[in-house]
Amino acid sequence: PPRSGRQSAGSAGCWRGGFVRRYQAYAGTTVGRDDLRWHEAVVCLRMMVEVAGWVQDGTIGGRAGHPFLTSGRELAARLSAATGMAVRPR
């Protein structure tokens, strides 16, 4: 991520782990690593599709600095890892 987002991105893994533990305790179920990876890939795809819509409708210029844009490489990398197919950010 960009320099300004490195600390928050680094702490995201800790936050995610805590979230999953709390969710599992509350729901009384276990979230498998593969299930979590699949759902993360779906969220990455949704964000990338949102950006594609901005490109299509010509509104991307007014969205500079938006997290979906600044995280494009990470989103593409996670989606590529989950699907085994090369995904490129915008």
C-alpha atoms as a PDB file:
ATOM      1  CA  PRO A   1       0.000   0.000   0.000  1.00  0.00           C
ATOM      2  CA  PRO A   2       1.047   3.617  -0.247  1.00  0.00           C
ATOM      3  CA  ARG A   3       3.289   4.860   2.564  1.00  0.00           C
ATOM      4  CA  SER A   4       0.333   6.483   4.369  1.00  0.00           C
ATOM      5  CA  GLY A   5      -1.560   3.189   4.476  1.00  0.00           C
ATOM      6  CA  ARG A   6       1.229   0.824   5.476  1.00  0.00           C
ATOM      7  CA  GLN A   7       0.564   0.905   9.194  1.00  0.00           C
ATOM      8  CA  SER A   8      -3.164   0.393   8.809  1.00  0.00           C
ATOM      9  CA  ALA A   9      -2.649  -2.356   6.236  1.00  0.00           C
ATOM     10  CA  GLY A  10      -0.166  -4.092   8.523  1.00  0.00           C
ATOM     11  CA  SER A  11      -2.631  -4.023  11.384  1.00  0.00           C
ATOM     12  CA  ALA A  12      -5.437  -5.346   9.171  1.00  0.00           C
ATOM     13  CA  GLY A  13      -4.197  -8.908   9.626  1.00  0.00           C
ATOM     14  CA  CYS A  14      -4.396  -8.532  13.416  1.00  0.00           C
ATOM     15  CA  TRP A  15      -7.847  -6.985  13.150  1.00  0.00           C
ATOM     16  CA  ARG A  16      -9.022  -9.742  10.811  1.00  0.00           C
ATOM     17  CA  GLY A  17      -7.788 -12.454  13.170  1.00  0.00           C
ATOM     18  CA  GLY A  18      -9.575 -10.840  16.092  1.00  0.00           C
ATOM     19  CA  PHE A  19     -12.724 -10.384  14.062  1.00  0.00           C
ATOM     20  CA  VAL A  20     -12.739 -14.025  12.988  1.00  0.00           C
ATOM     21  CA  ARG A  21     -12.194 -15.244  16.554  1.00  0.00           C
ATOM     22  CA  ARG A  22     -15.051 -13.070  17.848  1.00  0.00           C
ATOM     23  CA  TYR A  23     -17.317 -14.115  14.987  1.00  0.00           C
ATOM     24  CA  GLN A  24     -16.620 -17.796  15.604  1.00  0.00           C
ATOM     25  CA  ALA A  25     -17.321 -17.425  19.325  1.00  0.00           C
ATOM     26  CA  TYR A  26     -20.552 -15.509  18.709  1.00  0.00           C
ATOM     27  CA  ALA A  27     -21.820 -17.760  15.910  1.00  0.00           C
ATOM     28  CA  GLY A  28     -20.709 -20.995  17.545  1.00  0.00           C
ATOM     29  CA  THR A  29     -19.043 -22.143  14.336  1.00  0.00           C
ATOM     30  CA  THR A  30     -15.613 -22.395  12.817  1.00  0.00           C
ATOM     31  CA  VAL A  31     -14.579 -20.383   9.776  1.00  0.00           C
ATOM     32  CA  GLY A  32     -12.184 -22.406   7.662  1.00  0.00           C
ATOM     33  CA  ARG A  33      -9.121 -20.803   6.139  1.00  0.00           C
ATOM     34  CA  ASP A  34     -10.283 -21.727   2.616  1.00  0.00           C
ATOM     35  CA  ASP A  35     -13.735 -20.259   3.280  1.00  0.00           C
ATOM     36  CA  LEU A  36     -12.221 -17.027   4.553  1.00  0.00           C
ATOM     37  CA  ARG A  37      -9.902 -16.826   1.548  1.00  0.00           C
ATOM     38  CA  TRP A  38     -12.842 -17.347  -0.828  1.00  0.00           C
ATOM     39  CA  HIS A  39     -14.909 -14.621   0.826  1.00  0.00           C
ATOM     40  CA  GLU A  40     -11.958 -12.232   0.802  1.00  0.00           C
ATOM     41  CA  ALA A  41     -11.585 -12.884  -2.929  1.00  0.00           C
ATOM     42  CA  VAL A  42     -15.268 -12.069  -3.468  1.00  0.00           C
ATOM     43  CA  VAL A  43     -14.846  -8.764  -1.615  1.00  0.00           C
ATOM     44  CA  CYS A  44     -11.725  -7.935  -3.663  1.00  0.00           C
ATOM     45  CA  LEU A  45     -13.634  -8.668  -6.857  1.00  0.00           C
ATOM     46  CA  ARG A  46     -16.538  -6.491  -5.740  1.00  0.00           C
ATOM     47  CA  MET A  47     -14.204  -3.558  -5.077  1.00  0.00           C
ATOM     48  CA  MET A  48     -12.484  -3.989  -8.443  1.00  0.00           C
ATOM     49  CA  VAL A  49     -15.852  -4.131 -10.228  1.00  0.00           C
ATOM     50  CA  GLU A  50     -16.839  -0.901  -8.463  1.00  0.00           C
ATOM     51  CA  VAL A  51     -13.695   0.778  -9.820  1.00  0.00           C
ATOM     52  CA  ALA A  52     -14.448  -0.572 -13.294  1.00  0.00           C
ATOM     53  CA  GLY A  53     -17.864   1.087 -13.051  1.00  0.00           C
ATOM     54  CA  TRP A  54     -16.224   4.399 -12.171  1.00  0.00           C
ATOM     55  CA  VAL A  55     -13.985   4.059 -15.222  1.00  0.00           C
ATOM     56  CA  GLN A  56     -16.964   3.190 -17.410  1.00  0.00           C
ATOM     57  CA  ASP A  57     -19.113   6.097 -16.273  1.00  0.00           C
ATOM     58  CA  GLY A  58     -16.242   8.593 -16.280  1.00  0.00           C
ATOM     59  CA  THR A  59     -16.332   9.435 -12.559  1.00  0.00           C
ATOM     60  CA  ILE A  60     -12.960   7.980 -11.596  1.00  0.00           C
ATOM     61  CA  GLY A  61     -11.217  11.354 -11.825  1.00  0.00           C
ATOM     62  CA  GLY A  62     -13.119  12.639  -8.802  1.00  0.00           C
ATOM     63  CA  ARG A  63     -12.186   9.648  -6.680  1.00  0.00           C
ATOM     64  CA  ALA A  64      -8.436  10.149  -6.364  1.00  0.00           C
ATOM     65  CA  GLY A  65      -7.123   8.656  -3.136  1.00  0.00           C
ATOM     66  CA  HIS A  66     -10.134   6.388  -2.642  1.00  0.00           C
ATOM     67  CA  PRO A  67      -9.082   3.177  -0.828  1.00  0.00           C
ATOM     68  CA  PHE A  68     -10.397   1.017  -3.667  1.00  0.00           C
ATOM     69  CA  LEU A  69      -7.950   2.805  -5.974  1.00  0.00           C
ATOM     70  CA  THR A  70      -4.960   2.965  -3.650  1.00  0.00           C
ATOM     71  CA  SER A  71      -5.353  -0.740  -2.832  1.00  0.00           C
ATOM     72  CA  GLY A  72      -5.688  -1.895  -6.440  1.00  0.00           C
ATOM     73  CA  ARG A  73      -2.457  -3.894  -6.548  1.00  0.00           C
ATOM     74  CA  GLU A  74      -3.208  -5.672  -3.264  1.00  0.00           C
ATOM     75  CA  LEU A  75      -6.767  -6.444  -4.366  1.00  0.00           C
ATOM     76  CA  ALA A  76      -5.519  -7.885  -7.654  1.00  0.00           C
ATOM     77  CA  ALA A  77      -2.811  -9.908  -5.903  1.00  0.00           C
ATOM     78  CA  ARG A  78      -5.279 -11.438  -3.429  1.00  0.00           C
ATOM     79  CA  LEU A  79      -7.743 -12.243  -6.181  1.00  0.00           C
ATOM     80  CA  SER A  80      -4.963 -13.767  -8.307  1.00  0.00           C
ATOM     81  CA  ALA A  81      -3.789 -15.901  -5.384  1.00  0.00           C
ATOM     82  CA  ALA A  82      -7.296 -17.123  -4.669  1.00  0.00           C
ATOM     83  CA  THR A  83      -8.235 -17.936  -8.256  1.00  0.00           C
ATOM     84  CA  GLY A  84      -4.892 -18.958  -9.736  1.00  0.00           C
ATOM     85  CA  MET A  85      -5.516 -16.534 -12.596  1.00  0.00           C
ATOM     86  CA  ALA A  86      -3.595 -13.352 -13.308  1.00  0.00           C
ATOM     87  CA  VAL A  87      -5.643 -10.316 -12.322  1.00  0.00           C
ATOM     88  CA  ARG A  88      -4.454  -6.787 -13.057  1.00  0.00           C
ATOM     89  CA  PRO A  89      -5.523  -3.650 -11.249  1.00  0.00           C
ATOM     90  CA  ARG A  90      -6.955  -0.788 -13.271  1.00  0.00           C
END
